[in-house]
Amino acid sequence: MTTTGADRDAGGVGSWWWWGRGRSVVLDVGLAVVSALECGIEGVGFAGKAGLPVPVGVVFGLIVGSVLLVRRRWPIAVVLVSIAVAPAEMGFLMGIVGLYSLAASEVPRRITAVLAGMSTLAVFVVTVVRLRQDVAQVDDGPQDFDPSGWYVPSVSLFMTLGLNAPPVLFGLYIGARRRLMESLRERADSLEQELSLLADRAEQRAQWARQEERTRIAREMHDVVAHRVSLMVVHAAALQAVALKDPQKAVRNAALVGDMGRQALTELREMLGVLREGTAPAAPAAVPLAAVGRAAAAAAEAAADDGPCLDALEMLCEQSRLAGAAVELMVIGEARPYASEVERTAYRVVQEALTNVHKHAVGAAVVVRLAHRGAEVAMQVENGPCPSDASDADVRLPSGGNGLVGMRERVLRLGGVFVSGPTDAGGFRVSAVLPVAVEEPAA
């Protein structure tokens, strides 16, 4: 992970005071030593001009020059000291390095401009005075030198700018570059955190997708198998009841049970076959469950050409009639082709509703209504109360409580409306309305 230097500061402050690295200490100590030696040598001349003992001037120069040691922590103090000793004509290295440190630091720009202007003015005044003295000495000599009035100010200004402008400009450049690097590091940290957050969100979404696919697979297996198995159990109960009384009817029921069992096995085998194909990669790498789930859902729902559609409702009702249920199918409106997903969903809703009738209302009369409307198709399965003398009341089909949930999920996924609940007559009603996209018949 990228760092912004905070770890270095945390580890270096305790060991190196305000320095972040050991080489910074070596650099600043070296500059301070050189500056102290320079100021100590220049202190000899200052002591002579000020009428002070030479050791005093040397010690003063050493103390002034050593101030450069704190240039990183207090750059303003270094610049102020260099301005203060400018009339003594000492501390030129301290002034140059101090201006650079001030410009490269985080000091506000207005303060930097004021201090740089003060330093420039002080150096300019000292240069003008010294240059006039030198020119006066030249005039008193044997040479014939008569400079014009612009010579001293021009040369003094040129020398002053040559001493002060480069360190200030270079310090501003280094400070801007340092801030840019710091900004890039922070941006890299921010991007890394965002990428980590996005990875976490992607993992959560993948986990949600896997859970969603598991739910879809379970719903498909429930819809495909539960209906036929329920009919098989009903026929098996009827077979048990009439085996001794009516052997021919028992034979027919046994044949129906066999046919439905084979159909259920065929549908289950097709679904498991697609699952097996989706989970058999060429390499040993794992296949995401989301891809398997999509393939399984597509196989379970079947393709548009092979999957169940509204035309198969009559056969579905006939299978329930053969199981002993009184099922009436009513079609309202003109039948027309719909999107394959809409037709499959409508078929599954009716199928699951009839399965619930076989489970919970054996022998009850059932009315299946299918209404073709302009922009929607509606289906309703309503059964009456279970008769008290129903001969198949002991079928006792197990119920997992997932039928209504699966129907609601299917309908809501297509933007439809699903309502279910008991009727006033003691029966149960399941209603669903699906928005449709009409398919044009093939030419």
Protein backbone atom coordinates (compact mmCIF):
# COMPACT_ATOMS: atom_id res chain seq x y z
CA MET A 1 0.00 0.00 0.00
CA THR A 2 1.31 3.47 -0.82
CA THR A 3 2.36 5.80 1.97
CA THR A 4 2.29 9.55 2.28
CA GLY A 5 5.28 9.81 4.58
CA ALA A 6 3.29 9.71 7.80
CA ASP A 7 4.94 6.43 8.78
CA ARG A 8 8.39 7.95 8.27
CA ASP A 9 7.46 11.00 10.31
CA ALA A 10 6.06 8.87 13.10
CA GLY A 11 9.24 6.79 13.21
CA GLY A 12 11.72 9.67 12.74
CA VAL A 13 10.46 12.47 14.99
CA GLY A 14 11.41 10.73 18.20
CA SER A 15 14.91 9.89 16.95
CA TRP A 16 15.79 12.96 14.86
CA TRP A 17 13.71 15.74 16.44
CA TRP A 18 12.03 17.55 13.55
CA TRP A 19 13.95 15.73 10.81
CA GLY A 20 12.28 12.88 9.03
CA ARG A 21 15.43 11.11 7.82
CA GLY A 22 19.04 10.77 8.90
CA ARG A 23 20.45 12.31 5.73
CA SER A 24 18.44 15.45 6.42
CA VAL A 25 20.27 15.74 9.73
CA VAL A 26 23.65 15.33 8.03
CA LEU A 27 22.78 17.93 5.39
CA ASP A 28 21.55 20.54 7.86
CA VAL A 29 24.44 20.01 10.26
CA GLY A 30 26.92 20.32 7.39
CA LEU A 31 25.29 23.54 6.15
CA ALA A 32 25.26 24.93 9.68
CA VAL A 33 28.96 24.17 10.16
CA VAL A 34 29.89 25.80 6.85
CA SER A 35 27.69 28.82 7.64
CA ALA A 36 29.19 29.12 11.13
CA LEU A 37 32.73 29.04 9.71
CA GLU A 38 31.82 31.65 7.12
CA CYS A 39 30.23 33.93 9.68
CA GLY A 40 33.15 33.37 12.07
CA ILE A 41 35.64 34.47 9.40
CA GLU A 42 33.46 37.45 8.49
CA GLY A 43 33.19 38.24 12.21
CA VAL A 44 36.87 39.19 12.21
CA GLY A 45 36.21 42.06 9.82
CA PHE A 46 33.02 43.01 11.65
CA ALA A 47 34.93 43.22 14.95
CA GLY A 48 37.53 45.49 13.37
CA LYS A 49 34.89 47.87 11.96
CA ALA A 50 32.84 47.88 15.16
CA GLY A 51 35.82 48.31 17.46
CA LEU A 52 35.21 44.98 19.23
CA PRO A 53 37.71 42.34 20.23
CA VAL A 54 38.29 39.80 17.51
CA PRO A 55 37.24 36.78 19.66
CA VAL A 56 33.92 38.49 20.30
CA GLY A 57 33.35 38.95 16.59
CA VAL A 58 34.32 35.35 15.85
CA VAL A 59 32.04 33.94 18.57
CA PHE A 60 29.22 36.17 17.35
CA GLY A 61 29.76 34.91 13.81
CA LEU A 62 29.77 31.27 14.92
CA ILE A 63 26.51 31.73 16.85
CA VAL A 64 24.82 33.53 13.96
CA GLY A 65 25.92 30.97 11.38
CA SER A 66 24.76 28.01 13.46
CA VAL A 67 21.18 29.31 13.28
CA LEU A 68 21.00 27.58 9.89
CA LEU A 69 20.60 24.29 11.80
CA VAL A 70 16.88 25.05 12.42
CA ARG A 71 16.04 26.04 8.85
CA ARG A 72 13.49 23.22 8.42
CA ARG A 73 11.67 23.88 11.68
CA TRP A 74 11.79 27.70 11.82
CA PRO A 75 12.68 29.09 8.35
CA ILE A 76 11.22 32.50 9.26
CA ALA A 77 13.71 32.84 12.14
CA VAL A 78 16.64 32.02 9.84
CA VAL A 79 15.58 34.66 7.30
CA LEU A 80 15.05 37.28 10.03
CA VAL A 81 18.54 36.60 11.46
CA SER A 82 20.08 36.89 7.99
CA ILE A 83 18.30 40.23 7.50
CA ALA A 84 19.45 41.44 10.91
CA VAL A 85 23.13 40.64 10.27
CA ALA A 86 23.11 41.93 6.68
CA PRO A 87 24.60 45.34 7.74
CA ALA A 88 27.51 43.42 9.32
CA GLU A 89 28.20 41.89 5.89
CA MET A 90 28.03 38.32 7.10
CA GLY A 91 25.74 35.30 6.64
CA PHE A 92 25.43 35.24 2.83
CA LEU A 93 25.15 31.43 2.76
CA MET A 94 22.60 31.59 5.56
CA GLY A 95 20.57 34.15 3.63
CA ILE A 96 20.54 32.08 0.43
CA VAL A 97 19.68 28.79 2.15
CA GLY A 98 17.17 30.54 4.43
CA LEU A 99 15.27 32.04 1.48
CA TYR A 100 15.21 28.65 -0.24
CA SER A 101 13.91 26.92 2.90
CA LEU A 102 11.29 29.62 3.42
CA ALA A 103 9.99 29.38 -0.17
CA ALA A 104 9.90 25.56 -0.07
CA SER A 105 8.09 25.42 3.29
CA GLU A 106 4.37 25.57 4.07
CA VAL A 107 4.60 29.19 5.23
CA PRO A 108 1.82 31.33 3.67
CA ARG A 109 2.90 32.97 0.44
CA ARG A 110 2.21 36.50 1.65
CA ILE A 111 4.66 36.03 4.55
CA THR A 112 7.22 34.56 2.17
CA ALA A 113 6.83 37.53 -0.17
CA VAL A 114 7.23 40.05 2.68
CA LEU A 115 10.34 38.37 4.11
CA ALA A 116 11.88 37.89 0.65
CA GLY A 117 11.28 41.58 -0.07
CA MET A 118 12.85 42.60 3.24
CA SER A 119 15.88 40.41 2.57
CA THR A 120 16.23 41.79 -0.95
CA LEU A 121 16.01 45.35 0.31
CA ALA A 122 18.58 44.72 3.04
CA VAL A 123 21.02 43.11 0.61
CA PHE A 124 20.45 45.89 -1.92
CA VAL A 125 21.15 48.62 0.64
CA VAL A 126 24.29 46.89 1.92
CA THR A 127 25.49 46.31 -1.66
CA VAL A 128 24.89 49.94 -2.62
CA VAL A 129 26.78 51.22 0.42
CA ARG A 130 29.71 48.85 -0.07
CA LEU A 131 29.87 49.50 -3.80
CA ARG A 132 29.90 53.28 -3.26
CA GLN A 133 32.75 52.85 -0.82
CA ASP A 134 34.68 50.82 -3.34
CA VAL A 135 33.96 53.36 -6.09
CA ALA A 136 35.10 56.18 -3.78
CA GLN A 137 38.37 54.34 -3.08
CA VAL A 138 38.88 53.89 -6.80
CA ASP A 139 38.28 57.60 -7.41
CA ASP A 140 40.91 58.51 -4.79
CA GLY A 141 43.46 56.26 -6.46
CA PRO A 142 45.68 56.94 -9.37
CA GLN A 143 43.24 55.61 -11.99
CA ASP A 144 40.92 58.00 -13.71
CA PHE A 145 37.53 56.35 -13.02
CA ASP A 146 34.41 58.53 -13.27
CA PRO A 147 31.27 56.30 -13.08
CA SER A 148 27.91 57.79 -13.97
CA GLY A 149 25.04 57.99 -11.49
CA TRP A 150 23.33 54.82 -12.73
CA TYR A 151 26.29 52.49 -12.31
CA VAL A 152 26.10 51.82 -8.55
CA PRO A 153 22.28 51.23 -8.35
CA SER A 154 22.26 49.10 -11.48
CA VAL A 155 25.12 46.87 -10.42
CA SER A 156 23.74 46.65 -6.87
CA LEU A 157 20.30 45.65 -8.15
CA PHE A 158 21.82 43.05 -10.48
CA MET A 159 23.92 41.55 -7.69
CA THR A 160 20.98 41.56 -5.26
CA LEU A 161 18.65 39.79 -7.67
CA GLY A 162 21.41 37.34 -8.52
CA LEU A 163 21.75 36.42 -4.86
CA ASN A 164 18.08 36.34 -3.80
CA ALA A 165 15.97 35.48 -6.84
CA PRO A 166 17.39 31.99 -7.65
CA PRO A 167 16.93 30.49 -4.14
CA VAL A 168 13.40 31.89 -3.88
CA LEU A 169 12.35 30.58 -7.31
CA PHE A 170 14.02 27.22 -6.75
CA GLY A 171 12.38 26.94 -3.32
CA LEU A 172 8.96 27.70 -4.80
CA TYR A 173 9.53 25.00 -7.43
CA ILE A 174 10.64 22.41 -4.88
CA GLY A 175 7.70 23.27 -2.58
CA ALA A 176 5.20 22.95 -5.43
CA ARG A 177 6.74 19.66 -6.52
CA ARG A 178 6.67 18.37 -2.95
CA ARG A 179 3.01 19.29 -2.58
CA LEU A 180 2.26 17.67 -5.93
CA MET A 181 3.94 14.44 -4.86
CA GLU A 182 2.07 14.52 -1.58
CA SER A 183 -1.19 15.06 -3.43
CA LEU A 184 -0.41 12.16 -5.76
CA ARG A 185 0.36 9.90 -2.81
CA GLU A 186 -2.89 10.87 -1.11
CA ARG A 187 -4.77 10.32 -4.35
CA ALA A 188 -3.14 6.91 -4.73
CA ASP A 189 -4.16 6.05 -1.17
CA SER A 190 -7.68 7.26 -1.87
CA LEU A 191 -7.88 5.26 -5.10
CA GLU A 192 -6.59 2.16 -3.35
CA GLN A 193 -9.20 2.56 -0.64
CA GLU A 194 -11.89 3.04 -3.28
CA LEU A 195 -10.69 -0.06 -5.13
CA SER A 196 -10.77 -2.02 -1.90
CA LEU A 197 -14.28 -0.75 -1.24
CA LEU A 198 -15.36 -1.62 -4.77
CA ALA A 199 -13.86 -5.09 -4.37
CA ASP A 200 -15.82 -5.56 -1.15
CA ARG A 201 -18.99 -4.38 -2.85
CA ALA A 202 -18.32 -6.66 -5.82
CA GLU A 203 -17.88 -9.58 -3.42
CA GLN A 204 -21.14 -8.69 -1.71
CA ARG A 205 -22.91 -8.45 -5.06
CA ALA A 206 -21.41 -11.78 -6.14
CA GLN A 207 -22.57 -13.34 -2.89
CA TRP A 208 -26.03 -11.86 -3.40
CA ALA A 209 -26.04 -13.15 -6.99
CA ARG A 210 -25.06 -16.63 -5.82
CA GLN A 211 -27.85 -16.59 -3.26
CA GLU A 212 -30.28 -15.36 -5.89
CA GLU A 213 -29.27 -18.13 -8.26
CA ARG A 214 -29.66 -20.75 -5.54
CA THR A 215 -33.15 -19.42 -4.94
CA ARG A 216 -33.95 -19.56 -8.65
CA ILE A 217 -32.65 -23.11 -8.96
CA ALA A 218 -34.70 -24.22 -5.96
CA ARG A 219 -37.79 -22.52 -7.37
CA GLU A 220 -37.36 -24.15 -10.76
CA MET A 221 -36.86 -27.59 -9.27
CA HIS A 222 -39.91 -27.07 -7.08
CA ASP A 223 -42.09 -25.98 -10.00
CA VAL A 224 -40.91 -28.71 -12.34
CA VAL A 225 -41.05 -31.67 -9.97
CA ALA A 226 -43.61 -30.80 -7.29
CA HIS A 227 -46.63 -30.75 -9.59
CA ARG A 228 -46.05 -34.15 -11.16
CA VAL A 229 -44.99 -35.75 -7.90
CA SER A 230 -48.14 -34.39 -6.25
CA LEU A 231 -50.26 -35.95 -9.00
CA MET A 232 -48.37 -39.20 -8.57
CA VAL A 233 -49.15 -39.24 -4.86
CA VAL A 234 -52.82 -38.51 -5.53
CA HIS A 235 -53.03 -41.30 -8.10
CA ALA A 236 -51.18 -43.65 -5.76
CA ALA A 237 -53.75 -42.94 -3.03
CA ALA A 238 -56.59 -43.53 -5.48
CA LEU A 239 -54.89 -46.72 -6.65
CA GLN A 240 -54.72 -47.94 -3.09
CA ALA A 241 -58.42 -47.18 -2.58
CA VAL A 242 -59.73 -48.93 -5.73
CA ALA A 243 -57.20 -51.72 -6.11
CA LEU A 244 -59.58 -54.38 -4.79
CA LYS A 245 -62.88 -52.86 -5.93
CA ASP A 246 -62.05 -51.92 -9.52
CA PRO A 247 -58.91 -53.61 -10.87
CA GLN A 248 -59.24 -51.97 -14.31
CA LYS A 249 -59.30 -48.48 -12.81
CA ALA A 250 -56.34 -49.43 -10.66
CA VAL A 251 -54.44 -50.46 -13.78
CA ARG A 252 -55.21 -47.11 -15.45
CA ASN A 253 -54.11 -45.21 -12.35
CA ALA A 254 -50.91 -47.25 -12.18
CA ALA A 255 -50.19 -46.42 -15.83
CA LEU A 256 -50.79 -42.73 -15.13
CA VAL A 257 -48.45 -42.86 -12.16
CA GLY A 258 -45.77 -44.44 -14.33
CA ASP A 259 -46.20 -41.85 -17.09
CA MET A 260 -46.03 -38.94 -14.68
CA GLY A 261 -43.01 -40.43 -12.94
CA ARG A 262 -41.20 -40.78 -16.24
CA GLN A 263 -42.09 -37.20 -17.20
CA ALA A 264 -40.85 -35.91 -13.84
CA LEU A 265 -37.62 -37.86 -14.20
CA THR A 266 -37.14 -36.57 -17.74
CA GLU A 267 -37.56 -32.95 -16.70
CA LEU A 268 -35.30 -33.42 -13.69
CA ARG A 269 -32.69 -35.14 -15.82
CA GLU A 270 -32.70 -32.25 -18.31
CA MET A 271 -32.20 -29.74 -15.52
CA LEU A 272 -29.39 -31.72 -13.89
CA GLY A 273 -27.81 -32.26 -17.29
CA VAL A 274 -27.51 -28.54 -17.87
CA LEU A 275 -26.17 -28.07 -14.35
CA ARG A 276 -23.58 -30.76 -15.00
CA GLU A 277 -22.56 -29.13 -18.28
CA GLY A 278 -22.23 -25.75 -16.55
CA THR A 279 -20.04 -27.21 -13.80
CA ALA A 280 -17.68 -29.23 -16.04
CA PRO A 281 -14.95 -26.79 -17.16
CA ALA A 282 -12.06 -27.82 -19.33
CA ALA A 283 -9.62 -26.66 -16.63
CA PRO A 284 -9.86 -27.48 -12.92
CA ALA A 285 -10.71 -23.87 -12.13
CA ALA A 286 -14.03 -23.37 -10.39
CA VAL A 287 -16.99 -22.00 -12.34
CA PRO A 288 -18.92 -19.18 -10.61
CA LEU A 289 -22.23 -20.28 -9.26
CA ALA A 290 -23.91 -17.31 -10.90
CA ALA A 291 -23.09 -18.72 -14.36
CA VAL A 292 -24.31 -22.16 -13.34
CA GLY A 293 -27.46 -20.65 -11.91
CA ARG A 294 -28.23 -18.78 -15.08
CA ALA A 295 -27.78 -21.94 -17.12
CA ALA A 296 -29.87 -23.95 -14.68
CA ALA A 297 -32.62 -21.38 -14.64
CA ALA A 298 -32.63 -21.25 -18.41
CA ALA A 299 -32.81 -25.03 -18.59
CA ALA A 300 -35.47 -25.28 -15.93
CA GLU A 301 -37.64 -22.65 -17.53
CA ALA A 302 -36.84 -24.22 -20.93
CA ALA A 303 -36.30 -22.48 -24.17
CA ALA A 304 -38.95 -20.49 -25.93
CA ASP A 305 -39.68 -23.31 -28.37
CA ASP A 306 -39.62 -26.24 -25.93
CA GLY A 307 -40.81 -24.69 -22.64
CA PRO A 308 -44.36 -24.76 -21.33
CA CYS A 309 -46.73 -22.15 -22.69
CA LEU A 310 -50.36 -21.15 -22.41
CA ASP A 311 -51.39 -23.64 -25.07
CA ALA A 312 -50.50 -26.44 -22.64
CA LEU A 313 -52.98 -25.27 -19.96
CA GLU A 314 -55.70 -27.59 -21.25
CA MET A 315 -53.38 -30.59 -20.93
CA LEU A 316 -52.37 -29.41 -17.45
CA CYS A 317 -56.01 -29.23 -16.39
CA GLU A 318 -56.68 -32.64 -17.93
CA GLN A 319 -53.91 -34.16 -15.82
CA SER A 320 -55.61 -32.81 -12.71
CA ARG A 321 -58.96 -34.17 -13.89
CA LEU A 322 -57.41 -37.59 -14.29
CA ALA A 323 -56.27 -37.31 -10.68
CA GLY A 324 -59.89 -36.89 -9.61
CA ALA A 325 -60.14 -33.09 -9.37
CA ALA A 326 -63.04 -31.22 -10.96
CA VAL A 327 -61.16 -28.57 -12.96
CA GLU A 328 -62.87 -26.11 -15.31
CA LEU A 329 -60.82 -23.97 -17.67
CA MET A 330 -62.32 -20.65 -18.82
CA VAL A 331 -60.56 -18.54 -21.46
CA ILE A 332 -61.69 -14.93 -21.85
CA GLY A 333 -60.60 -12.83 -24.80
CA GLU A 334 -58.78 -13.75 -27.97
CA ALA A 335 -55.67 -15.84 -27.47
CA ARG A 336 -52.49 -14.45 -29.02
CA PRO A 337 -48.78 -15.15 -28.71
CA TYR A 338 -46.80 -13.48 -25.91
CA ALA A 339 -43.18 -13.35 -24.93
CA SER A 340 -41.91 -16.79 -23.97
CA GLU A 341 -41.05 -15.71 -20.42
CA VAL A 342 -44.56 -14.34 -19.89
CA GLU A 343 -46.16 -17.57 -21.13
CA ARG A 344 -43.89 -19.74 -18.97
CA THR A 345 -44.60 -17.63 -15.89
CA ALA A 346 -48.36 -17.80 -16.45
CA TYR A 347 -48.16 -21.56 -16.94
CA ARG A 348 -46.09 -22.03 -13.77
CA VAL A 349 -48.51 -19.95 -11.72
CA VAL A 350 -51.47 -22.10 -12.80
CA GLN A 351 -49.43 -25.27 -12.33
CA GLU A 352 -48.38 -24.39 -8.79
CA ALA A 353 -51.91 -23.30 -7.90
CA LEU A 354 -53.28 -26.68 -9.05
CA THR A 355 -50.51 -28.41 -7.08
CA ASN A 356 -51.64 -26.58 -3.95
CA VAL A 357 -55.22 -27.69 -4.62
CA HIS A 358 -54.07 -31.33 -4.70
CA LYS A 359 -52.17 -30.81 -1.46
CA HIS A 360 -54.67 -28.86 0.61
CA ALA A 361 -58.13 -29.17 -1.00
CA VAL A 362 -58.52 -32.73 -2.26
CA GLY A 363 -61.82 -33.16 -4.08
CA ALA A 364 -62.60 -29.44 -4.23
CA ALA A 365 -64.00 -27.93 -7.43
CA VAL A 366 -61.47 -25.74 -9.24
CA VAL A 367 -62.02 -22.95 -11.76
CA VAL A 368 -59.08 -21.76 -13.85
CA ARG A 369 -59.65 -18.43 -15.60
CA LEU A 370 -57.35 -17.01 -18.26
CA ALA A 371 -58.09 -13.50 -19.54
CA HIS A 372 -56.36 -11.97 -22.58
CA ARG A 373 -56.47 -8.19 -22.33
CA GLY A 374 -54.91 -5.37 -24.29
CA ALA A 375 -51.59 -4.90 -22.51
CA GLU A 376 -51.75 -7.69 -19.95
CA VAL A 377 -52.73 -11.27 -19.38
CA ALA A 378 -54.47 -12.33 -16.17
CA MET A 379 -54.88 -15.74 -14.64
CA GLN A 380 -56.91 -16.87 -11.64
CA VAL A 381 -57.18 -20.27 -9.97
CA GLU A 382 -59.98 -20.55 -7.44
CA ASN A 383 -61.06 -23.64 -5.59
CA GLY A 384 -64.06 -24.19 -3.38
CA PRO A 385 -64.01 -25.67 0.10
CA CYS A 386 -62.75 -29.18 0.56
CA PRO A 387 -65.74 -31.59 0.79
CA SER A 388 -66.05 -33.31 4.14
CA ASP A 389 -66.61 -36.73 2.51
CA ALA A 390 -63.67 -36.55 0.17
CA SER A 391 -62.39 -40.03 -0.46
CA ASP A 392 -58.82 -38.87 -0.96
CA ALA A 393 -58.60 -36.81 2.19
CA ASP A 394 -55.84 -39.00 3.55
CA VAL A 395 -53.37 -38.24 0.78
CA ARG A 396 -51.35 -36.05 3.20
CA LEU A 397 -49.01 -34.42 0.71
CA PRO A 398 -46.09 -32.59 2.38
CA SER A 399 -45.88 -28.83 1.96
CA GLY A 400 -42.73 -26.75 2.23
CA GLY A 401 -44.51 -23.41 2.12
CA ASN A 402 -42.53 -22.25 -0.94
CA GLY A 403 -45.21 -22.46 -3.61
CA LEU A 404 -46.82 -19.07 -3.05
CA VAL A 405 -43.44 -17.45 -2.50
CA GLY A 406 -42.16 -18.82 -5.79
CA MET A 407 -45.25 -17.65 -7.66
CA ARG A 408 -44.97 -14.16 -6.19
CA GLU A 409 -41.28 -13.94 -7.10
CA ARG A 410 -41.96 -14.99 -10.67
CA VAL A 411 -44.76 -12.49 -11.18
CA LEU A 412 -43.01 -9.56 -9.50
CA ARG A 413 -39.83 -10.21 -11.49
CA LEU A 414 -41.82 -9.43 -14.66
CA GLY A 415 -43.42 -6.33 -13.12
CA GLY A 416 -46.80 -7.96 -12.53
CA VAL A 417 -49.25 -8.13 -9.63
CA PHE A 418 -49.84 -11.20 -7.48
CA VAL A 419 -52.63 -11.69 -4.94
CA SER A 420 -53.57 -14.82 -3.00
CA GLY A 421 -55.79 -15.59 -0.06
CA PRO A 422 -58.88 -17.43 1.19
CA THR A 423 -62.32 -16.76 -0.22
CA ASP A 424 -65.54 -16.05 1.66
CA ALA A 425 -66.88 -19.47 0.65
CA GLY A 426 -64.04 -21.25 2.45
CA GLY A 427 -61.87 -21.90 -0.57
CA PHE A 428 -58.66 -20.28 -1.82
CA ARG A 429 -57.92 -17.95 -4.72
CA VAL A 430 -54.66 -17.20 -6.54
CA SER A 431 -54.64 -14.27 -8.98
CA ALA A 432 -51.84 -12.83 -11.10
CA VAL A 433 -51.66 -10.13 -13.76
CA LEU A 434 -48.65 -9.89 -16.10
CA PRO A 435 -47.76 -7.06 -18.47
CA VAL A 436 -47.20 -8.46 -21.93
CA ALA A 437 -45.21 -7.68 -25.02
CA VAL A 438 -47.15 -9.07 -27.94
CA GLU A 439 -45.07 -11.10 -30.38
CA GLU A 440 -45.81 -10.78 -34.04
CA PRO A 441 -46.58 -14.13 -35.70
CA ALA A 442 -43.86 -15.43 -37.98
CA ALA A 443 -44.47 -14.87 -41.68
